[in-house]
């Protein structure tokens, strides 16, 4: 049985992928099988190409990998820490982009910073609205 934090992480990872985050597979990456949502560490690529690995697995980026993705896009995290206010109880992540503040909160620090990356990617790659 997979716990709810991992279910949320898999959902967030799929959303990050759709928002344009590209995984460059590396041994040691945390992944989930797309077919069974079974969490594992990539230990052998079995001679599969990166494209084939992306079709089989969802990348579950670690916190430092998420931060690296933000920094690679010239994003600067202005605050990350515990917030105990009732309005946003949990880890608070904040960054400012072009004068606009992006803020996320979650009790899991990885999900808080991952949601920040997701919002950042959405700002960088806005999807056209179809009428």
Foldseek 3Di string as FASTA:
>chain_A
DDDPVLVLLLVLLVLVVVLPDQDDDDQQFWKAFPVPRDIDGRHDPVPDHSVVVVNGIRTRDDQVVLVVVCVVVVWDWPDWDADCDPVAGAIKTWTADPNDIDIAGDNDSSSRSSVSSSVVSCVVDPDDDDD
